[in-house]
Protein backbone atom coordinates (compact mmCIF):
# COMPACT_ATOMS: atom_id res chain seq x y z
CA MET A 1 -4.08 2.33 11.64
CA ILE A 2 -2.51 3.27 8.34
CA GLY A 3 -0.32 1.73 5.66
CA ASN A 4 1.07 3.18 2.45
CA ASP A 5 3.14 2.16 -0.55
CA VAL A 6 4.68 4.00 -3.48
CA ILE A 7 5.92 2.53 -6.75
CA ASP A 8 8.40 4.47 -8.87
CA LEU A 9 7.37 3.27 -12.32
CA ALA A 10 10.75 4.04 -13.89
CA GLN A 11 12.53 2.08 -11.15
CA SER A 12 10.10 -0.84 -11.42
CA ARG A 13 10.85 -1.07 -15.14
CA ILE A 14 14.54 -1.46 -14.31
CA GLU A 15 14.17 -3.84 -11.34
CA SER A 16 11.29 -6.09 -12.30
CA ARG A 17 10.39 -8.47 -15.05
CA TRP A 18 6.73 -8.83 -14.14
CA GLN A 19 5.97 -10.47 -17.51
CA ARG A 20 8.25 -13.45 -16.89
CA ARG A 21 6.62 -16.84 -16.55
CA GLY A 22 5.29 -17.55 -13.06
CA PHE A 23 5.54 -13.98 -11.72
CA LEU A 24 1.81 -13.24 -11.69
CA GLU A 25 0.91 -16.70 -10.38
CA LYS A 26 3.34 -16.32 -7.46
CA LEU A 27 2.01 -12.95 -6.25
CA PHE A 28 -1.60 -12.61 -7.34
CA THR A 29 -4.83 -14.51 -6.80
CA THR A 30 -6.68 -15.92 -9.80
CA PRO A 31 -9.20 -13.00 -9.88
CA GLU A 32 -6.30 -10.50 -9.64
CA GLN A 33 -4.50 -12.24 -12.52
CA LEU A 34 -7.69 -11.91 -14.56
CA LEU A 35 -7.84 -8.16 -13.78
CA ILE A 36 -4.26 -7.81 -15.00
CA LYS A 37 -4.84 -9.81 -18.19
CA GLN A 38 -8.04 -7.88 -19.02
CA SER A 39 -6.56 -4.44 -18.28
CA SER A 40 -5.78 -2.02 -21.09
CA GLU A 41 -2.64 -1.17 -19.07
CA PRO A 42 -1.50 -4.45 -17.48
CA GLU A 43 1.76 -3.00 -16.12
CA ILE A 44 -0.14 -0.30 -14.23
CA MET A 45 -2.62 -2.88 -12.91
CA VAL A 46 0.23 -5.11 -11.67
CA TRP A 47 1.79 -2.29 -9.69
CA MET A 48 -1.53 -0.91 -8.45
CA LEU A 49 -2.50 -4.31 -7.03
CA TRP A 50 0.98 -4.78 -5.59
CA SER A 51 0.83 -1.33 -3.99
CA MET A 52 -2.57 -2.16 -2.46
CA LYS A 53 -1.17 -5.40 -1.02
CA GLU A 54 1.90 -3.67 0.42
CA ALA A 55 -0.09 -0.84 2.03
CA ALA A 56 -2.55 -3.30 3.60
CA TYR A 57 0.29 -5.58 4.74
CA LYS A 58 1.80 -2.72 6.74
CA ILE A 59 -1.41 -2.51 8.78
CA TYR A 60 -1.62 -6.29 9.11
CA ASN A 61 1.98 -6.37 10.36
CA ARG A 62 1.27 -3.56 12.86
CA GLN A 63 -1.83 -5.39 14.13
CA THR A 64 -0.36 -8.88 14.40
CA LYS A 65 3.41 -8.26 14.70
CA ILE A 66 3.71 -11.16 12.22
CA ARG A 67 6.27 -10.61 9.47
CA GLN A 68 5.79 -13.09 6.67
CA TYR A 69 5.66 -13.18 2.90
CA ILE A 70 1.92 -13.53 2.14
CA PRO A 71 1.03 -11.71 -1.13
CA LYS A 72 -1.62 -14.25 -2.20
CA LYS A 73 -3.31 -14.06 1.23
CA LEU A 74 -3.84 -10.33 0.61
CA ASP A 75 -6.80 -10.36 -1.78
CA CYS A 76 -7.46 -7.09 -3.66
CA THR A 77 -10.80 -5.86 -4.95
CA ILE A 78 -11.08 -2.66 -6.96
CA LEU A 79 -14.38 -0.96 -6.16
CA ILE A 80 -14.09 2.19 -8.28
CA GLN A 81 -11.45 3.19 -10.83
CA GLU A 82 -11.80 6.54 -12.54
CA ASN A 83 -9.09 8.42 -14.39
CA ALA A 84 -6.02 8.36 -12.19
CA GLN A 85 -7.60 7.18 -8.94
CA ALA A 86 -8.91 3.88 -7.60
CA LYS A 87 -10.71 2.94 -4.41
CA GLY A 88 -10.59 -0.63 -3.27
CA LEU A 89 -10.28 -3.04 -0.43
CA VAL A 90 -7.85 -5.73 0.55
CA SER A 91 -8.88 -8.68 2.65
CA CYS A 92 -6.48 -10.82 4.65
CA GLY A 93 -8.29 -13.55 6.53
CA GLU A 94 -11.00 -11.78 8.50
CA ASN A 95 -9.32 -8.37 8.20
CA ILE A 96 -10.54 -5.79 5.68
CA TYR A 97 -8.45 -2.78 4.68
CA TYR A 98 -9.77 0.11 2.57
CA THR A 99 -7.46 1.62 -0.04
CA ASN A 100 -7.08 4.73 -2.14
CA THR A 101 -4.64 4.70 -5.04
CA ILE A 102 -3.36 7.67 -7.05
CA ILE A 103 -1.73 6.96 -10.40
CA ASP A 104 0.37 9.44 -12.33
CA LYS A 105 2.90 9.12 -15.13
CA ASP A 106 5.78 8.57 -12.67
CA SER A 107 4.31 6.70 -9.72
CA ILE A 108 1.53 4.75 -8.09
CA TYR A 109 0.73 5.65 -4.49
CA THR A 110 -1.66 3.72 -2.27
CA THR A 111 -2.83 4.40 1.27
CA ALA A 112 -4.73 1.81 3.31
CA VAL A 113 -6.78 2.15 6.49
CA CYS A 114 -8.95 -0.04 8.71
CA THR A 115 -12.14 2.00 8.47
CA LEU A 116 -13.59 3.58 5.34
CA ALA A 117 -14.06 6.95 7.07
CA ASP A 118 -10.31 7.18 7.77
CA LEU A 119 -9.58 7.48 4.04
CA ASP A 120 -10.80 11.09 4.33
CA HIS A 121 -8.35 11.87 7.15
CA ILE A 122 -4.98 10.86 5.70
CA THR A 123 -2.31 13.54 5.86
CA ALA A 124 1.24 13.59 4.49
CA VAL A 125 3.95 14.40 7.04
CA GLU A 126 7.68 15.05 6.97
CA ASN A 127 10.31 12.61 8.14
CA LYS A 128 10.82 14.14 11.58
CA ASN A 129 10.59 12.55 15.02
CA ILE A 130 10.12 9.01 13.71
CA PHE A 131 10.66 6.22 16.21
CA LYS A 132 10.63 2.49 15.40
CA ASP A 133 9.74 -0.10 18.01
CA VAL A 134 11.53 -3.44 18.49
CA ASN A 135 9.47 -4.90 15.62
CA GLY A 136 10.57 -2.10 13.26
CA ILE A 137 7.10 -0.53 13.29
CA PRO A 138 7.30 3.28 12.90
CA TYR A 139 5.62 5.88 15.08
CA LEU A 140 5.59 9.67 14.84
CA TYR A 141 6.45 11.44 18.10
CA ASN A 142 4.28 14.44 18.92
CA ALA A 143 6.27 16.54 21.40
CA ALA A 144 3.37 18.88 22.18
CA ALA A 145 1.18 15.97 23.30
CA ASN A 146 4.11 13.82 24.49
CA SER A 147 2.64 10.89 22.58
CA TYR A 148 3.27 8.60 19.65
CA GLN A 149 1.04 8.25 16.60
CA ASP A 150 0.89 5.52 13.95
CA VAL A 151 2.77 6.56 10.82
CA SER A 152 3.41 4.67 7.62
CA ILE A 153 6.57 5.19 5.60
CA THR A 154 7.24 4.10 2.04
CA HIS A 155 10.02 4.74 -0.42
CA HIS A 156 10.91 3.42 -3.82
CA GLY A 157 13.26 4.92 -6.36
CA ARG A 158 12.81 8.69 -6.41
CA PHE A 159 9.87 8.79 -4.01
CA GLU A 160 9.37 8.77 -0.26
CA LYS A 161 5.99 9.28 1.42
CA LEU A 162 4.97 9.39 5.07
CA ALA A 163 1.31 9.36 6.07
CA VAL A 164 -0.77 9.60 9.25
CA ILE A 165 -4.45 9.68 10.06
CA MET A 166 -5.43 13.13 11.41
CA LYS A 167 -8.88 13.62 12.86
């Protein structure tokens, strides 16, 4: 399974006031708040953690069919952060999701998967032959194989990304 999330940094600066009182406490665990406060770029850390939560939530929703607002139940850990990339994991109850985040001057893009090995098999696709089930969960139709494949779709501001796991 796969999840993804993109943050348009210019759009987030217009839409969000992440520095307002109570914002961080509402969305982030105490260790995540500490990461944000200790970061040399707290705005980037806020949106990276949020992107990790959103990408993992898409898998959680696909697995459970439960749609609920649970940002503090999605607990982010950053394992490695170098230059413009971070690898991490997000836990939600007993579920663990592995993440890869790419940061550039315009956006933050995170993909999440259920197994670490799947991080090496993520492929971008175009918005063609997308079908959503009764729960709003998207699938990519493969006409050649007459089958459906998990796909994750994200859009924010100027960006839209679709991703699948290809083995």
